[in-house]
Amino acid sequence: MSSLRLAVIIGSVREGRFGPTVAAWFAEQAARHGGFEVDVIDLADAELPLALPAVPPAMEPNPPRPAGMDDLTARLAAADAFVIVTPDYNRSYPAALKAAIDWHFTQWDAKAIGFVGYSGGSGGLLAIEHLRQVFNELNAHTVREYVSFPRYYLLFDEAGRLREPDEPAAAAQTMLGQLRWWAGALAAARTASVAS
């Protein structure tokens, strides 16, 4: 099978966010794994209005989108799998991430999703649990394993390196293994579905 594409999505657009540091660390882990071509997508680079089109994407999969979303849409469509890097905001996930999800539909369909969470107390687990429900509705498969950084500000040093990298790196490799298996199986199924 040809190379699989993994999009690592930075879900927070808040000023001073820590997401790019976590995403850079995870992209390194994915490169080490070797099972994917890795594309890091920063939602701060896309135009993501919260007001959605009148007809939902489930009924109109390609609604007119803002021009500032074109690059994001193309990169999501090209991906075979995703890893969402998200903090907890008020026991859930960021509004910009919800907007990016809701402006798209077929781009998520029958693809594999993994999560890397970070926050003060829960390590992003509250956001991850909500996201599992959302992606289930979009017919995406969320893998069981995840990576979590509770009190992330104590775990990374000033240069953005983990002080004790072994355990998170092992968790990332386990998740990437699951993601690679599911991404390959789903890509083959999508190809067979188109061919039939």
C-alpha atoms as a PDB file:
ATOM      1  CA  MET A   1       0.000   0.000   0.000  1.00  0.00           C
ATOM      2  CA  SER A   2       1.190   3.514  -0.764  1.00  0.00           C
ATOM      3  CA  SER A   3       2.259   5.830   2.028  1.00  0.00           C
ATOM      4  CA  LEU A   4      -0.432   6.973   4.458  1.00  0.00           C
ATOM      5  CA  ARG A   5      -0.833  10.638   5.343  1.00  0.00           C
ATOM      6  CA  LEU A   6      -1.253  11.698   8.969  1.00  0.00           C
ATOM      7  CA  ALA A   7      -2.546  15.193   9.755  1.00  0.00           C
ATOM      8  CA  VAL A   8      -1.581  16.439  13.218  1.00  0.00           C
ATOM      9  CA  ILE A   9      -4.076  19.188  14.050  1.00  0.00           C
ATOM     10  CA  ILE A  10      -3.311  21.931  16.583  1.00  0.00           C
ATOM     11  CA  GLY A  11      -6.779  22.456  18.055  1.00  0.00           C
ATOM     12  CA  SER A  12      -6.244  25.650  20.081  1.00  0.00           C
ATOM     13  CA  VAL A  13      -5.925  29.096  18.517  1.00  0.00           C
ATOM     14  CA  ARG A  14      -5.719  30.973  21.820  1.00  0.00           C
ATOM     15  CA  GLU A  15      -2.972  33.571  22.237  1.00  0.00           C
ATOM     16  CA  GLY A  16      -0.013  32.105  24.135  1.00  0.00           C
ATOM     17  CA  ARG A  17      -1.239  28.526  23.547  1.00  0.00           C
ATOM     18  CA  PHE A  18       0.994  25.552  24.244  1.00  0.00           C
ATOM     19  CA  GLY A  19      -0.443  23.416  21.424  1.00  0.00           C
ATOM     20  CA  PRO A  20       2.356  24.047  18.902  1.00  0.00           C
ATOM     21  CA  THR A  21       4.937  22.720  21.395  1.00  0.00           C
ATOM     22  CA  VAL A  22       2.944  19.525  21.991  1.00  0.00           C
ATOM     23  CA  ALA A  23       2.251  19.113  18.266  1.00  0.00           C
ATOM     24  CA  ALA A  24       5.954  19.515  17.404  1.00  0.00           C
ATOM     25  CA  TRP A  25       6.819  16.831  19.956  1.00  0.00           C
ATOM     26  CA  PHE A  26       4.173  14.489  18.548  1.00  0.00           C
ATOM     27  CA  ALA A  27       5.222  15.122  14.931  1.00  0.00           C
ATOM     28  CA  GLU A  28       8.730  14.004  15.964  1.00  0.00           C
ATOM     29  CA  GLN A  29       7.271  10.808  17.429  1.00  0.00           C
ATOM     30  CA  ALA A  30       5.292  10.175  14.235  1.00  0.00           C
ATOM     31  CA  ALA A  31       8.408  10.704  12.104  1.00  0.00           C
ATOM     32  CA  ARG A  32      10.242   8.201  14.337  1.00  0.00           C
ATOM     33  CA  HIS A  33       7.424   5.705  13.910  1.00  0.00           C
ATOM     34  CA  GLY A  34       7.862   5.885  10.136  1.00  0.00           C
ATOM     35  CA  GLY A  35       4.389   4.693   9.156  1.00  0.00           C
ATOM     36  CA  PHE A  36       3.091   8.029   7.872  1.00  0.00           C
ATOM     37  CA  GLU A  37       3.830  11.149   5.900  1.00  0.00           C
ATOM     38  CA  VAL A  38       3.190  13.808   8.562  1.00  0.00           C
ATOM     39  CA  ASP A  39       1.420  17.131   7.950  1.00  0.00           C
ATOM     40  CA  VAL A  40       1.085  19.520  10.918  1.00  0.00           C
ATOM     41  CA  ILE A  41      -2.036  21.693  10.543  1.00  0.00           C
ATOM     42  CA  ASP A  42      -2.386  24.808  12.703  1.00  0.00           C
ATOM     43  CA  LEU A  43      -6.013  25.929  12.896  1.00  0.00           C
ATOM     44  CA  ALA A  44      -4.767  29.448  13.663  1.00  0.00           C
ATOM     45  CA  ASP A  45      -3.805  29.645   9.965  1.00  0.00           C
ATOM     46  CA  ALA A  46      -7.360  29.003   8.715  1.00  0.00           C
ATOM     47  CA  GLU A  47     -10.451  31.181   8.521  1.00  0.00           C
ATOM     48  CA  LEU A  48     -12.956  29.410  10.788  1.00  0.00           C
ATOM     49  CA  PRO A  49     -16.207  31.319  11.201  1.00  0.00           C
ATOM     50  CA  LEU A  50     -18.484  29.924  13.895  1.00  0.00           C
ATOM     51  CA  ALA A  51     -21.583  30.687  11.775  1.00  0.00           C
ATOM     52  CA  LEU A  52     -22.129  27.569   9.654  1.00  0.00           C
ATOM     53  CA  PRO A  53     -23.834  27.239   6.252  1.00  0.00           C
ATOM     54  CA  ALA A  54     -27.645  26.982   6.223  1.00  0.00           C
ATOM     55  CA  VAL A  55     -27.512  23.420   4.855  1.00  0.00           C
ATOM     56  CA  PRO A  56     -25.447  21.052   7.033  1.00  0.00           C
ATOM     57  CA  PRO A  57     -22.452  19.312   5.421  1.00  0.00           C
ATOM     58  CA  ALA A  58     -24.174  15.936   5.945  1.00  0.00           C
ATOM     59  CA  MET A  59     -26.694  17.083   3.308  1.00  0.00           C
ATOM     60  CA  GLU A  60     -24.314  19.231   1.248  1.00  0.00           C
ATOM     61  CA  PRO A  61     -20.810  17.778   1.711  1.00  0.00           C
ATOM     62  CA  ASN A  62     -19.117  20.642  -0.126  1.00  0.00           C
ATOM     63  CA  PRO A  63     -20.854  23.848   0.926  1.00  0.00           C
ATOM     64  CA  PRO A  64     -19.403  27.185  -0.130  1.00  0.00           C
ATOM     65  CA  ARG A  65     -16.578  27.776   2.338  1.00  0.00           C
ATOM     66  CA  PRO A  66     -14.566  30.930   3.046  1.00  0.00           C
ATOM     67  CA  ALA A  67     -11.512  31.227   0.795  1.00  0.00           C
ATOM     68  CA  GLY A  68      -9.364  31.234   3.925  1.00  0.00           C
ATOM     69  CA  MET A  69     -10.460  27.643   4.598  1.00  0.00           C
ATOM     70  CA  ASP A  70      -9.451  26.191   1.204  1.00  0.00           C
ATOM     71  CA  ASP A  71      -5.999  25.014   2.296  1.00  0.00           C
ATOM     72  CA  LEU A  72      -7.382  23.404   5.455  1.00  0.00           C
ATOM     73  CA  THR A  73     -10.126  21.583   3.521  1.00  0.00           C
ATOM     74  CA  ALA A  74      -7.656  20.225   0.952  1.00  0.00           C
ATOM     75  CA  ARG A  75      -5.246  19.005   3.634  1.00  0.00           C
ATOM     76  CA  LEU A  76      -8.023  17.314   5.621  1.00  0.00           C
ATOM     77  CA  ALA A  77      -9.282  15.597   2.476  1.00  0.00           C
ATOM     78  CA  ALA A  78      -5.774  14.342   1.644  1.00  0.00           C
ATOM     79  CA  ALA A  79      -5.218  12.804   5.100  1.00  0.00           C
ATOM     80  CA  ASP A  80      -5.795   9.122   5.871  1.00  0.00           C
ATOM     81  CA  ALA A  81      -5.603   9.649   9.629  1.00  0.00           C
ATOM     82  CA  PHE A  82      -5.631  12.482  12.132  1.00  0.00           C
ATOM     83  CA  VAL A  83      -4.194  13.210  15.537  1.00  0.00           C
ATOM     84  CA  ILE A  84      -5.983  16.004  17.342  1.00  0.00           C
ATOM     85  CA  VAL A  85      -3.791  17.943  19.784  1.00  0.00           C
ATOM     86  CA  THR A  86      -6.175  19.600  22.242  1.00  0.00           C
ATOM     87  CA  PRO A  87      -6.366  21.221  25.657  1.00  0.00           C
ATOM     88  CA  ASP A  88      -9.429  21.197  27.910  1.00  0.00           C
ATOM     89  CA  TYR A  89     -11.455  24.404  27.755  1.00  0.00           C
ATOM     90  CA  ASN A  90     -14.178  24.445  30.412  1.00  0.00           C
ATOM     91  CA  ARG A  91     -14.311  20.624  30.549  1.00  0.00           C
ATOM     92  CA  SER A  92     -14.478  20.308  26.749  1.00  0.00           C
ATOM     93  CA  TYR A  93     -12.476  21.262  23.647  1.00  0.00           C
ATOM     94  CA  PRO A  94     -11.867  24.608  21.872  1.00  0.00           C
ATOM     95  CA  ALA A  95     -14.529  26.344  19.771  1.00  0.00           C
ATOM     96  CA  ALA A  96     -12.153  26.743  16.803  1.00  0.00           C
ATOM     97  CA  LEU A  97     -11.675  22.970  16.717  1.00  0.00           C
ATOM     98  CA  LYS A  98     -15.454  22.431  16.736  1.00  0.00           C
ATOM     99  CA  ALA A  99     -15.805  24.910  13.871  1.00  0.00           C
ATOM    100  CA  ALA A 100     -13.128  23.103  11.844  1.00  0.00           C
ATOM    101  CA  ILE A 101     -14.910  19.800  12.429  1.00  0.00           C
ATOM    102  CA  ASP A 102     -18.389  21.130  11.651  1.00  0.00           C
ATOM    103  CA  TRP A 103     -17.385  22.883   8.408  1.00  0.00           C
ATOM    104  CA  HIS A 104     -16.342  19.453   7.048  1.00  0.00           C
ATOM    105  CA  PHE A 105     -17.975  16.065   6.663  1.00  0.00           C
ATOM    106  CA  THR A 106     -16.590  13.723   3.996  1.00  0.00           C
ATOM    107  CA  GLN A 107     -13.057  14.730   5.006  1.00  0.00           C
ATOM    108  CA  TRP A 108     -13.468  12.755   8.267  1.00  0.00           C
ATOM    109  CA  ASP A 109     -15.507   9.859   6.907  1.00  0.00           C
ATOM    110  CA  ALA A 110     -14.063   6.363   7.428  1.00  0.00           C
ATOM    111  CA  LYS A 111     -10.710   7.676   8.655  1.00  0.00           C
ATOM    112  CA  ALA A 112      -8.750   6.938  11.841  1.00  0.00           C
ATOM    113  CA  ILE A 113      -8.427   9.491  14.644  1.00  0.00           C
ATOM    114  CA  GLY A 114      -6.035   9.650  17.599  1.00  0.00           C
ATOM    115  CA  PHE A 115      -5.691  12.205  20.372  1.00  0.00           C
ATOM    116  CA  VAL A 116      -2.987  14.013  22.316  1.00  0.00           C
ATOM    117  CA  GLY A 117      -4.389  15.969  25.245  1.00  0.00           C
ATOM    118  CA  TYR A 118      -2.831  18.497  27.586  1.00  0.00           C
ATOM    119  CA  SER A 119      -4.223  20.666  30.386  1.00  0.00           C
ATOM    120  CA  GLY A 120      -3.785  21.544  34.025  1.00  0.00           C
ATOM    121  CA  GLY A 121      -5.601  18.696  35.750  1.00  0.00           C
ATOM    122  CA  SER A 122      -7.100  16.145  33.400  1.00  0.00           C
ATOM    123  CA  GLY A 123      -4.424  16.161  30.713  1.00  0.00           C
ATOM    124  CA  GLY A 124      -7.036  16.842  28.057  1.00  0.00           C
ATOM    125  CA  LEU A 125      -9.071  13.721  28.801  1.00  0.00           C
ATOM    126  CA  LEU A 126     -12.339  15.662  29.148  1.00  0.00           C
ATOM    127  CA  ALA A 127     -11.853  17.148  25.680  1.00  0.00           C
ATOM    128  CA  ILE A 128     -10.866  13.764  24.255  1.00  0.00           C
ATOM    129  CA  GLU A 129     -14.005  12.061  25.570  1.00  0.00           C
ATOM    130  CA  HIS A 130     -16.232  14.713  23.967  1.00  0.00           C
ATOM    131  CA  LEU A 131     -14.329  14.454  20.692  1.00  0.00           C
ATOM    132  CA  ARG A 132     -14.798  10.674  20.586  1.00  0.00           C
ATOM    133  CA  GLN A 133     -18.567  11.219  20.523  1.00  0.00           C
ATOM    134  CA  VAL A 134     -18.344  13.842  17.788  1.00  0.00           C
ATOM    135  CA  PHE A 135     -16.127  11.767  15.511  1.00  0.00           C
ATOM    136  CA  ASN A 136     -18.312   8.701  16.028  1.00  0.00           C
ATOM    137  CA  GLU A 137     -21.200  10.730  14.557  1.00  0.00           C
ATOM    138  CA  LEU A 138     -18.985  11.525  11.545  1.00  0.00           C
ATOM    139  CA  ASN A 139     -18.263   7.819  10.882  1.00  0.00           C
ATOM    140  CA  ALA A 140     -14.609   8.166  11.848  1.00  0.00           C
ATOM    141  CA  HIS A 141     -12.833   5.552  13.959  1.00  0.00           C
ATOM    142  CA  THR A 142     -11.139   6.792  17.131  1.00  0.00           C
ATOM    143  CA  VAL A 143      -8.362   4.536  18.372  1.00  0.00           C
ATOM    144  CA  ARG A 144      -8.365   3.411  21.985  1.00  0.00           C
ATOM    145  CA  GLU A 145      -4.894   4.606  23.003  1.00  0.00           C
ATOM    146  CA  TYR A 146      -4.046   8.281  23.513  1.00  0.00           C
ATOM    147  CA  VAL A 147      -1.313  10.507  24.939  1.00  0.00           C
ATOM    148  CA  SER A 148      -2.066  12.792  27.869  1.00  0.00           C
ATOM    149  CA  PHE A 149      -0.077  15.556  29.568  1.00  0.00           C
ATOM    150  CA  PRO A 150      -1.647  16.606  32.893  1.00  0.00           C
ATOM    151  CA  ARG A 151       0.101  19.684  34.329  1.00  0.00           C
ATOM    152  CA  TYR A 152       1.977  19.955  31.054  1.00  0.00           C
ATOM    153  CA  TYR A 153       3.772  23.102  32.277  1.00  0.00           C
ATOM    154  CA  LEU A 154       5.722  20.913  34.706  1.00  0.00           C
ATOM    155  CA  LEU A 155       6.495  18.183  32.165  1.00  0.00           C
ATOM    156  CA  PHE A 156       8.147  20.290  29.447  1.00  0.00           C
ATOM    157  CA  ASP A 157      11.215  22.443  29.956  1.00  0.00           C
ATOM    158  CA  GLU A 158      11.711  26.028  28.750  1.00  0.00           C
ATOM    159  CA  ALA A 159      12.938  24.777  25.367  1.00  0.00           C
ATOM    160  CA  GLY A 160       9.786  22.684  24.846  1.00  0.00           C
ATOM    161  CA  ARG A 161      11.467  19.331  25.567  1.00  0.00           C
ATOM    162  CA  LEU A 162       9.998  16.735  27.868  1.00  0.00           C
ATOM    163  CA  ARG A 163      11.907  16.395  31.117  1.00  0.00           C
ATOM    164  CA  GLU A 164      11.113  12.654  31.287  1.00  0.00           C
ATOM    165  CA  PRO A 165      10.358  11.590  27.702  1.00  0.00           C
ATOM    166  CA  ASP A 166      10.302   7.795  27.879  1.00  0.00           C
ATOM    167  CA  GLU A 167       6.750   7.114  29.067  1.00  0.00           C
ATOM    168  CA  PRO A 168       5.024   9.643  26.753  1.00  0.00           C
ATOM    169  CA  ALA A 169       7.140   8.428  23.818  1.00  0.00           C
ATOM    170  CA  ALA A 170       6.087   4.824  24.492  1.00  0.00           C
ATOM    171  CA  ALA A 171       2.420   5.891  24.686  1.00  0.00           C
ATOM    172  CA  ALA A 172       2.794   7.763  21.391  1.00  0.00           C
ATOM    173  CA  GLN A 173       4.315   4.751  19.640  1.00  0.00           C
ATOM    174  CA  THR A 174       1.506   2.488  20.900  1.00  0.00           C
ATOM    175  CA  MET A 175      -1.114   4.927  19.641  1.00  0.00           C
ATOM    176  CA  LEU A 176       0.676   5.358  16.314  1.00  0.00           C
ATOM    177  CA  GLY A 177       0.729   1.582  15.859  1.00  0.00           C
ATOM    178  CA  GLN A 178      -3.037   1.412  16.330  1.00  0.00           C
ATOM    179  CA  LEU A 179      -3.538   4.440  14.104  1.00  0.00           C
ATOM    180  CA  ARG A 180      -1.387   2.942  11.337  1.00  0.00           C
ATOM    181  CA  TRP A 181      -3.315  -0.341  11.407  1.00  0.00           C
ATOM    182  CA  TRP A 182      -6.721   1.346  11.285  1.00  0.00           C
ATOM    183  CA  ALA A 183      -5.656   3.962   8.733  1.00  0.00           C
ATOM    184  CA  GLY A 184      -4.387   1.212   6.427  1.00  0.00           C
ATOM    185  CA  ALA A 185      -7.513  -0.907   6.841  1.00  0.00           C
ATOM    186  CA  LEU A 186      -9.851   2.040   6.293  1.00  0.00           C
ATOM    187  CA  ALA A 187      -7.884   3.347   3.298  1.00  0.00           C
ATOM    188  CA  ALA A 188      -8.136  -0.099   1.690  1.00  0.00           C
ATOM    189  CA  ALA A 189     -11.871  -0.217   2.441  1.00  0.00           C
ATOM    190  CA  ARG A 190     -12.420   3.252   0.948  1.00  0.00           C
ATOM    191  CA  THR A 191     -10.526   2.222  -2.200  1.00  0.00           C
ATOM    192  CA  ALA A 192     -12.540  -1.017  -2.503  1.00  0.00           C
ATOM    193  CA  SER A 193     -15.787   0.936  -2.021  1.00  0.00           C
ATOM    194  CA  VAL A 194     -14.900   3.362  -4.838  1.00  0.00           C
ATOM    195  CA  ALA A 195     -13.871   0.499  -7.124  1.00  0.00           C
ATOM    196  CA  SER A 196     -17.085  -1.500  -6.598  1.00  0.00           C
END
